[in-house]
Amino acid sequence: MEKKKFILENWRDEKQTAYFYRWMAEQEKIKEKKEKYLELAETEETHASIWEKEMEKLGLKIPQFRLTLRGRILLFFASILGYRSLVPILENGEDNAVLGYAQGYRESADEKLKESLKEIIPDERKHSLQMQEYSGIITKEPKKERWHRGGESIGDIIFGINDGLLSTFSLVMGVSGAVTNNSYILLSGLAGAIAGAISMAAGAYISTKSTLEVYHKHLNTEKMEMEMFPEEEKRELVAHYRTKGIPETQAKILAEHLFKDKKTALKSMSKEELGFAVNILPNPYKAALSEGIAFVCGAALPILPYLLIPGYWAAKVCIILSLSGFFIAGAGRTMVTGRNPLLSGLEMFLLGAGAALVTHFIGSLIGVAL
């Protein structure tokens, strides 16, 4: 492990994560959640200061903090989709930080550095669960299902663009193997893009609406149980709090207090027992629109050359644009997955190129047969 590089990278990650938490606090209107995001930011800044001390020990100059390219892209998408779209990415980042710090702890021979890591790791482990709870999107229970928001996250947008590019490029290459007329290729590409966008939008709408229907079904059942069996529901809520380490006496007091207001009690029961929060619901129309637009954006790359460039060069430009798009889309996925951008981009590049070769070969066979 290269110590200087390890320290600098972790300092930058902590500073950037703190920046995101502060930005999220600025967007949040609920005072309690705003304060929680600020607490997270302060903790990350404390971690960054630990790395700054390590830099000083090594005689390194503390650099001026700037958002990375990945950070600027994430912030751009989040400003469009809403700050909550950052939640799964930051949560994933906290998990990766724990793994990275744990590896550094195992590999480092510097006992003072290991002490610093032992101080940071417990905080990072807490942050992932805190992010889930404070966002109101998912609960602290790890076994509960996460309610998908279909098309309303940065990851959904990236994967939608990727789907549009892959399916349309494969279609265009397949048709170009069978015919040489650019008008036919353009027409087939446009038809495929429109059909694909409609399919993606409809799928996102139906999936998100189904989530809402299931949600309301469980919520109505819970509401009925609270009306008919309030004491039993209180005992269930107490049991959930007890599993989280809250003493029984305090758990009972908390449950009694919550059940004084039916709406508050229902929110607590849905969160603790069912695994979802009532204050944030997925929007089927927004999901359909964002998925459809993302698909069209990806599909545009292989289509535009045939629309703007005449003759032989349209196919060449189509291939260059599309394969470049595959690499960028693959690298973009790492904003969600946390993988190496170069490897992910290359993987997607090879997948797109392979799909194009296969469909073009099949198209050429059909063209000969015709």
Protein backbone atom coordinates (compact mmCIF):
# COMPACT_ATOMS: atom_id res chain seq x y z
CA MET A 1 0.00 0.00 0.00
CA GLU A 2 1.41 3.40 -1.03
CA LYS A 3 0.86 5.47 2.10
CA LYS A 4 0.89 8.95 0.54
CA LYS A 5 -1.60 7.98 -2.18
CA PHE A 6 -3.84 6.22 0.35
CA ILE A 7 -3.96 9.28 2.61
CA LEU A 8 -4.57 11.76 -0.22
CA GLU A 9 -7.35 9.70 -1.82
CA ASN A 10 -9.16 9.20 1.48
CA TRP A 11 -8.82 12.88 2.38
CA ARG A 12 -10.38 13.81 -0.97
CA ASP A 13 -13.21 11.29 -0.53
CA GLU A 14 -14.01 12.54 2.97
CA LYS A 15 -14.02 16.18 1.85
CA GLN A 16 -16.24 15.41 -1.13
CA THR A 17 -18.69 13.38 0.93
CA ALA A 18 -18.88 16.21 3.48
CA TYR A 19 -19.59 18.62 0.61
CA PHE A 20 -22.47 16.43 -0.58
CA TYR A 21 -23.98 16.18 2.90
CA ARG A 22 -23.85 19.96 3.33
CA TRP A 23 -25.43 20.45 -0.08
CA MET A 24 -28.19 17.99 0.85
CA ALA A 25 -28.76 19.87 4.11
CA GLU A 26 -29.26 23.07 2.11
CA GLN A 27 -31.95 21.36 0.00
CA GLU A 28 -33.74 19.73 2.95
CA LYS A 29 -36.73 21.63 4.33
CA ILE A 30 -37.34 19.51 7.42
CA LYS A 31 -35.26 20.93 10.28
CA GLU A 32 -34.51 17.58 11.94
CA LYS A 33 -33.21 15.99 8.73
CA LYS A 34 -31.24 19.13 7.87
CA GLU A 35 -29.47 18.89 11.21
CA LYS A 36 -28.73 15.20 10.70
CA TYR A 37 -27.14 15.82 7.30
CA LEU A 38 -25.04 18.58 8.85
CA GLU A 39 -23.95 16.16 11.59
CA LEU A 40 -22.85 13.69 8.93
CA ALA A 41 -20.94 16.45 7.14
CA GLU A 42 -19.16 17.46 10.36
CA THR A 43 -18.13 13.85 11.00
CA GLU A 44 -16.70 13.56 7.49
CA GLU A 45 -14.82 16.84 8.00
CA THR A 46 -13.39 15.42 11.22
CA HIS A 47 -12.17 12.39 9.29
CA ALA A 48 -10.63 14.69 6.68
CA SER A 49 -8.78 16.57 9.43
CA ILE A 50 -7.29 13.26 10.60
CA TRP A 51 -5.86 12.73 7.12
CA GLU A 52 -4.60 16.33 7.06
CA LYS A 53 -2.61 15.62 10.22
CA GLU A 54 -1.16 12.53 8.55
CA MET A 55 -0.15 14.70 5.57
CA GLU A 56 1.60 17.17 7.88
CA LYS A 57 3.54 14.33 9.50
CA LEU A 58 4.80 13.29 6.06
CA GLY A 59 5.63 16.87 5.11
CA LEU A 60 2.92 16.97 2.43
CA LYS A 61 1.19 20.18 1.45
CA ILE A 62 -2.57 20.03 2.01
CA PRO A 63 -4.12 20.60 -1.44
CA GLN A 64 -7.04 22.90 -2.14
CA PHE A 65 -10.22 20.87 -2.25
CA ARG A 66 -12.13 20.67 -5.51
CA LEU A 67 -14.95 18.37 -6.53
CA THR A 68 -13.80 15.55 -8.77
CA LEU A 69 -15.28 15.10 -12.24
CA ARG A 70 -17.42 12.29 -10.85
CA GLY A 71 -18.56 14.57 -8.04
CA ARG A 72 -19.56 17.36 -10.45
CA ILE A 73 -21.51 14.91 -12.62
CA LEU A 74 -23.32 13.51 -9.57
CA LEU A 75 -24.19 17.00 -8.39
CA PHE A 76 -25.50 17.91 -11.85
CA PHE A 77 -27.84 14.91 -11.93
CA ALA A 78 -28.89 15.45 -8.32
CA SER A 79 -29.81 19.07 -9.02
CA ILE A 80 -32.23 17.77 -11.68
CA LEU A 81 -33.56 14.64 -10.00
CA GLY A 82 -33.53 15.93 -6.43
CA TYR A 83 -30.99 15.50 -3.66
CA ARG A 84 -32.45 12.16 -2.56
CA SER A 85 -31.11 10.60 -5.75
CA LEU A 86 -27.68 10.84 -4.09
CA VAL A 87 -28.73 8.64 -1.18
CA PRO A 88 -27.99 5.18 -2.68
CA ILE A 89 -24.70 6.43 -4.14
CA LEU A 90 -23.51 7.95 -0.87
CA GLU A 91 -24.69 4.89 1.00
CA ASN A 92 -22.66 2.70 -1.37
CA GLY A 93 -19.73 5.05 -0.93
CA GLU A 94 -19.86 4.67 2.86
CA ASP A 95 -19.83 0.87 2.46
CA ASN A 96 -16.84 1.08 0.10
CA ALA A 97 -15.05 3.37 2.54
CA VAL A 98 -15.38 0.77 5.30
CA LEU A 99 -13.91 -1.92 3.03
CA GLY A 100 -11.10 0.39 1.87
CA TYR A 101 -10.20 1.44 5.40
CA ALA A 102 -10.32 -2.17 6.61
CA GLN A 103 -7.93 -3.20 3.85
CA GLY A 104 -5.64 -0.31 4.70
CA TYR A 105 -5.69 -1.36 8.34
CA ARG A 106 -4.66 -4.91 7.43
CA GLU A 107 -1.90 -3.86 5.03
CA SER A 108 -0.40 -0.94 6.92
CA ALA A 109 2.68 -1.40 9.08
CA ASP A 110 2.27 2.11 10.55
CA GLU A 111 0.71 1.68 14.01
CA LYS A 112 -0.29 5.36 14.27
CA LEU A 113 -2.06 5.19 10.92
CA LYS A 114 -3.85 2.04 12.07
CA GLU A 115 -5.02 3.90 15.17
CA SER A 116 -6.48 6.62 12.94
CA LEU A 117 -8.28 4.00 10.87
CA LYS A 118 -9.72 2.37 13.99
CA GLU A 119 -11.15 5.78 14.89
CA ILE A 120 -12.75 6.31 11.47
CA ILE A 121 -14.13 2.86 10.56
CA PRO A 122 -16.94 2.71 13.21
CA ASP A 123 -18.27 6.09 12.03
CA GLU A 124 -18.33 4.99 8.40
CA ARG A 125 -20.19 1.82 9.33
CA LYS A 126 -22.91 3.90 10.98
CA HIS A 127 -23.30 6.36 8.14
CA SER A 128 -24.83 3.94 5.63
CA LEU A 129 -27.68 3.07 7.99
CA GLN A 130 -28.05 6.70 9.03
CA MET A 131 -28.40 7.77 5.41
CA GLN A 132 -31.19 5.25 4.89
CA GLU A 133 -33.05 6.41 7.98
CA TYR A 134 -32.64 10.18 7.55
CA SER A 135 -33.61 10.12 3.87
CA GLY A 136 -36.95 8.49 4.66
CA ILE A 137 -36.63 6.29 1.58
CA ILE A 138 -35.68 3.07 3.33
CA THR A 139 -35.45 1.95 6.91
CA LYS A 140 -32.66 0.88 9.18
CA GLU A 141 -33.69 -2.77 8.97
CA PRO A 142 -31.22 -4.51 6.60
CA LYS A 143 -33.59 -7.37 5.83
CA LYS A 144 -36.43 -5.17 4.70
CA GLU A 145 -37.05 -4.69 1.03
CA ARG A 146 -35.91 -1.43 -0.52
CA TRP A 147 -38.74 0.16 -2.42
CA HIS A 148 -37.53 0.94 -5.91
CA ARG A 149 -38.28 4.40 -7.22
CA GLY A 150 -38.09 3.44 -10.91
CA GLY A 151 -36.38 6.07 -13.01
CA GLU A 152 -35.98 8.65 -10.27
CA SER A 153 -32.34 7.99 -9.41
CA ILE A 154 -29.04 8.72 -11.12
CA GLY A 155 -28.48 4.99 -11.55
CA ASP A 156 -31.82 4.58 -13.34
CA ILE A 157 -30.93 7.38 -15.77
CA ILE A 158 -27.50 5.92 -16.57
CA PHE A 159 -28.88 2.42 -17.11
CA GLY A 160 -31.72 3.81 -19.24
CA ILE A 161 -29.23 5.59 -21.51
CA ASN A 162 -27.19 2.41 -21.73
CA ASP A 163 -30.25 0.35 -22.73
CA GLY A 164 -31.23 2.82 -25.43
CA LEU A 165 -27.74 2.87 -26.89
CA LEU A 166 -27.23 -0.91 -26.86
CA SER A 167 -30.59 -1.90 -28.34
CA THR A 168 -30.65 0.81 -31.03
CA PHE A 169 -27.03 0.37 -32.08
CA SER A 170 -27.54 -3.40 -32.36
CA LEU A 171 -30.66 -2.82 -34.46
CA VAL A 172 -28.96 -0.30 -36.76
CA MET A 173 -25.96 -2.59 -37.26
CA GLY A 174 -28.23 -5.53 -37.97
CA VAL A 175 -30.23 -3.65 -40.60
CA SER A 176 -27.05 -2.19 -42.16
CA GLY A 177 -25.84 -5.75 -42.65
CA ALA A 178 -28.93 -6.57 -44.70
CA VAL A 179 -29.37 -3.33 -46.70
CA THR A 180 -27.17 -0.44 -47.87
CA ASN A 181 -29.86 2.21 -48.19
CA ASN A 182 -29.35 4.77 -45.40
CA SER A 183 -33.02 5.72 -45.46
CA TYR A 184 -34.05 2.18 -44.52
CA ILE A 185 -31.43 2.06 -41.77
CA LEU A 186 -32.58 5.42 -40.42
CA LEU A 187 -36.23 4.40 -40.50
CA SER A 188 -35.57 1.16 -38.66
CA GLY A 189 -33.43 2.96 -36.07
CA LEU A 190 -36.11 5.58 -35.45
CA ALA A 191 -38.81 2.93 -35.18
CA GLY A 192 -36.71 0.92 -32.74
CA ALA A 193 -35.90 3.98 -30.65
CA ILE A 194 -39.53 5.08 -30.43
CA ALA A 195 -40.77 1.58 -29.64
CA GLY A 196 -38.01 1.07 -27.08
CA ALA A 197 -38.66 4.40 -25.37
CA ILE A 198 -42.38 3.66 -25.12
CA SER A 199 -41.64 0.19 -23.77
CA MET A 200 -39.19 1.52 -21.19
CA ALA A 201 -41.56 4.28 -20.10
CA ALA A 202 -44.49 1.87 -19.87
CA GLY A 203 -42.40 -0.62 -17.92
CA ALA A 204 -41.24 2.04 -15.46
CA TYR A 205 -44.82 3.31 -15.05
CA ILE A 206 -46.28 -0.14 -14.44
CA SER A 207 -43.47 -1.18 -12.09
CA THR A 208 -43.70 2.00 -10.03
CA LYS A 209 -47.51 1.93 -9.98
CA SER A 210 -47.41 -1.69 -8.84
CA THR A 211 -45.12 -0.65 -6.01
CA LEU A 212 -47.62 2.00 -4.98
CA GLU A 213 -50.52 -0.45 -5.12
CA VAL A 214 -48.70 -2.96 -2.93
CA TYR A 215 -47.71 -0.15 -0.59
CA HIS A 216 -51.29 1.07 -0.20
CA LYS A 217 -52.56 -2.47 0.30
CA HIS A 218 -50.16 -3.07 3.19
CA LEU A 219 -50.79 0.41 4.57
CA ASN A 220 -54.58 -0.09 4.60
CA THR A 221 -54.12 -3.44 6.33
CA GLU A 222 -51.89 -1.82 8.94
CA LYS A 223 -54.41 0.99 9.43
CA MET A 224 -57.21 -1.54 9.98
CA GLU A 225 -55.12 -3.49 12.50
CA MET A 226 -54.33 -0.29 14.41
CA GLU A 227 -58.02 0.56 14.65
CA MET A 228 -59.16 -2.94 15.66
CA PHE A 229 -56.19 -4.14 17.71
CA PRO A 230 -54.39 -1.03 19.03
CA GLU A 231 -52.88 -2.71 22.10
CA GLU A 232 -51.47 -5.56 20.02
CA GLU A 233 -49.97 -3.10 17.56
CA LYS A 234 -48.39 -1.16 20.42
CA ARG A 235 -46.78 -4.37 21.65
CA GLU A 236 -45.44 -5.03 18.15
CA LEU A 237 -43.94 -1.54 18.00
CA VAL A 238 -42.36 -2.03 21.42
CA ALA A 239 -40.89 -5.32 20.22
CA HIS A 240 -39.33 -3.61 17.18
CA TYR A 241 -37.77 -0.95 19.39
CA ARG A 242 -36.49 -3.62 21.77
CA THR A 243 -34.64 -5.37 18.92
CA LYS A 244 -32.81 -2.08 18.34
CA GLY A 245 -31.51 -2.06 21.89
CA ILE A 246 -34.01 0.38 23.44
CA PRO A 247 -34.86 -0.62 27.04
CA GLU A 248 -38.38 -1.98 27.47
CA THR A 249 -39.60 0.85 29.70
CA GLN A 250 -38.44 3.52 27.25
CA ALA A 251 -39.83 1.53 24.30
CA LYS A 252 -43.26 1.41 25.94
CA ILE A 253 -43.21 5.14 26.69
CA LEU A 254 -42.21 5.88 23.10
CA ALA A 255 -44.95 3.63 21.69
CA GLU A 256 -47.60 5.21 23.93
CA HIS A 257 -46.51 8.67 22.84
CA LEU A 258 -46.61 7.78 19.14
CA PHE A 259 -50.07 6.19 19.36
CA LYS A 260 -51.56 9.45 20.65
CA ASP A 261 -51.55 10.61 17.03
CA LYS A 262 -52.85 8.06 14.50
CA LYS A 263 -50.89 9.50 11.56
CA THR A 264 -47.62 9.47 13.48
CA ALA A 265 -48.29 5.94 14.72
CA LEU A 266 -49.07 4.75 11.18
CA LYS A 267 -45.81 6.23 9.88
CA SER A 268 -43.88 4.48 12.62
CA MET A 269 -45.59 1.14 12.07
CA SER A 270 -45.13 1.25 8.30
CA LYS A 271 -41.45 2.03 8.77
CA GLU A 272 -40.68 -0.44 11.56
CA GLU A 273 -42.95 -3.34 10.57
CA LEU A 274 -43.38 -3.06 6.80
CA GLY A 275 -40.04 -1.57 5.84
CA PHE A 276 -41.04 1.59 3.97
CA ALA A 277 -41.71 5.22 4.81
CA VAL A 278 -44.93 7.06 4.14
CA ASN A 279 -43.44 10.51 3.51
CA ILE A 280 -41.75 9.65 0.21
CA LEU A 281 -43.69 7.85 -2.50
CA PRO A 282 -42.52 6.91 -5.99
CA ASN A 283 -44.13 8.87 -8.82
CA PRO A 284 -45.18 6.63 -11.78
CA TYR A 285 -45.39 9.54 -14.23
CA LYS A 286 -41.98 10.91 -13.31
CA ALA A 287 -40.50 7.42 -13.52
CA ALA A 288 -42.01 6.85 -16.98
CA LEU A 289 -40.86 10.23 -18.29
CA SER A 290 -37.29 9.95 -17.02
CA GLU A 291 -36.85 6.36 -18.25
CA GLY A 292 -38.26 7.23 -21.69
CA ILE A 293 -36.07 10.31 -22.07
CA ALA A 294 -32.97 8.41 -20.90
CA PHE A 295 -33.62 5.69 -23.48
CA VAL A 296 -34.03 8.27 -26.27
CA CYS A 297 -30.77 10.00 -25.26
CA GLY A 298 -28.90 6.72 -25.61
CA ALA A 299 -30.67 5.79 -28.85
CA ALA A 300 -29.81 9.14 -30.43
CA LEU A 301 -26.10 8.34 -30.81
CA PRO A 302 -26.42 5.62 -33.48
CA ILE A 303 -29.33 7.39 -35.24
CA LEU A 304 -28.04 10.95 -35.61
CA PRO A 305 -25.26 10.13 -38.13
CA TYR A 306 -27.80 8.62 -40.53
CA LEU A 307 -29.98 11.68 -40.06
CA LEU A 308 -27.21 14.27 -40.61
CA ILE A 309 -24.48 12.64 -42.69
CA PRO A 310 -25.10 11.33 -46.21
CA GLY A 311 -23.68 8.19 -47.78
CA TYR A 312 -20.82 5.99 -46.71
CA TRP A 313 -19.62 8.10 -43.77
CA ALA A 314 -22.86 7.78 -41.80
CA ALA A 315 -22.04 4.19 -40.80
CA LYS A 316 -18.47 5.10 -39.82
CA VAL A 317 -19.56 8.00 -37.62
CA CYS A 318 -22.34 5.86 -36.15
CA ILE A 319 -19.84 3.22 -35.05
CA ILE A 320 -17.39 5.77 -33.60
CA LEU A 321 -20.09 7.67 -31.70
CA SER A 322 -21.79 4.54 -30.39
CA LEU A 323 -18.64 2.78 -29.23
CA SER A 324 -17.50 6.00 -27.54
CA GLY A 325 -20.93 6.19 -25.93
CA PHE A 326 -20.59 2.62 -24.66
CA PHE A 327 -17.27 3.45 -22.99
CA ILE A 328 -18.69 6.62 -21.38
CA ALA A 329 -21.86 4.82 -20.26
CA GLY A 330 -19.78 2.01 -18.77
CA ALA A 331 -17.56 4.48 -16.95
CA GLY A 332 -20.68 6.36 -15.84
CA ARG A 333 -22.07 3.25 -14.21
CA THR A 334 -19.22 3.36 -11.71
CA MET A 335 -20.89 6.38 -10.11
CA VAL A 336 -23.39 3.83 -8.83
CA THR A 337 -21.34 0.62 -8.62
CA GLY A 338 -18.06 2.08 -7.37
CA ARG A 339 -16.00 -0.05 -9.80
CA ASN A 340 -12.92 1.05 -11.72
CA PRO A 341 -14.18 3.46 -14.46
CA LEU A 342 -11.60 2.31 -17.04
CA LEU A 343 -12.41 -1.38 -16.63
CA SER A 344 -16.16 -0.78 -16.56
CA GLY A 345 -15.96 1.44 -19.65
CA LEU A 346 -13.87 -1.13 -21.51
CA GLU A 347 -16.28 -3.90 -20.53
CA MET A 348 -19.23 -1.97 -21.94
CA PHE A 349 -17.23 -1.04 -25.06
CA LEU A 350 -16.52 -4.73 -25.77
CA LEU A 351 -20.12 -5.71 -25.05
CA GLY A 352 -21.45 -3.09 -27.47
CA ALA A 353 -18.90 -4.02 -30.14
CA GLY A 354 -19.73 -7.72 -29.75
CA ALA A 355 -23.46 -7.12 -30.00
CA ALA A 356 -22.95 -5.02 -33.16
CA LEU A 357 -20.80 -7.70 -34.81
CA VAL A 358 -23.33 -10.43 -34.09
CA THR A 359 -26.35 -8.48 -35.33
CA HIS A 360 -24.47 -7.20 -38.39
CA PHE A 361 -23.47 -10.77 -39.27
CA ILE A 362 -27.04 -12.01 -38.87
CA GLY A 363 -28.29 -9.07 -40.95
CA SER A 364 -25.80 -9.84 -43.72
CA LEU A 365 -27.00 -13.46 -43.84
CA ILE A 366 -30.60 -12.30 -44.12
CA GLY A 367 -29.61 -9.80 -46.81
CA VAL A 368 -27.98 -12.50 -48.92
CA ALA A 369 -31.00 -14.75 -48.49
CA LEU A 370 -33.28 -11.95 -49.68
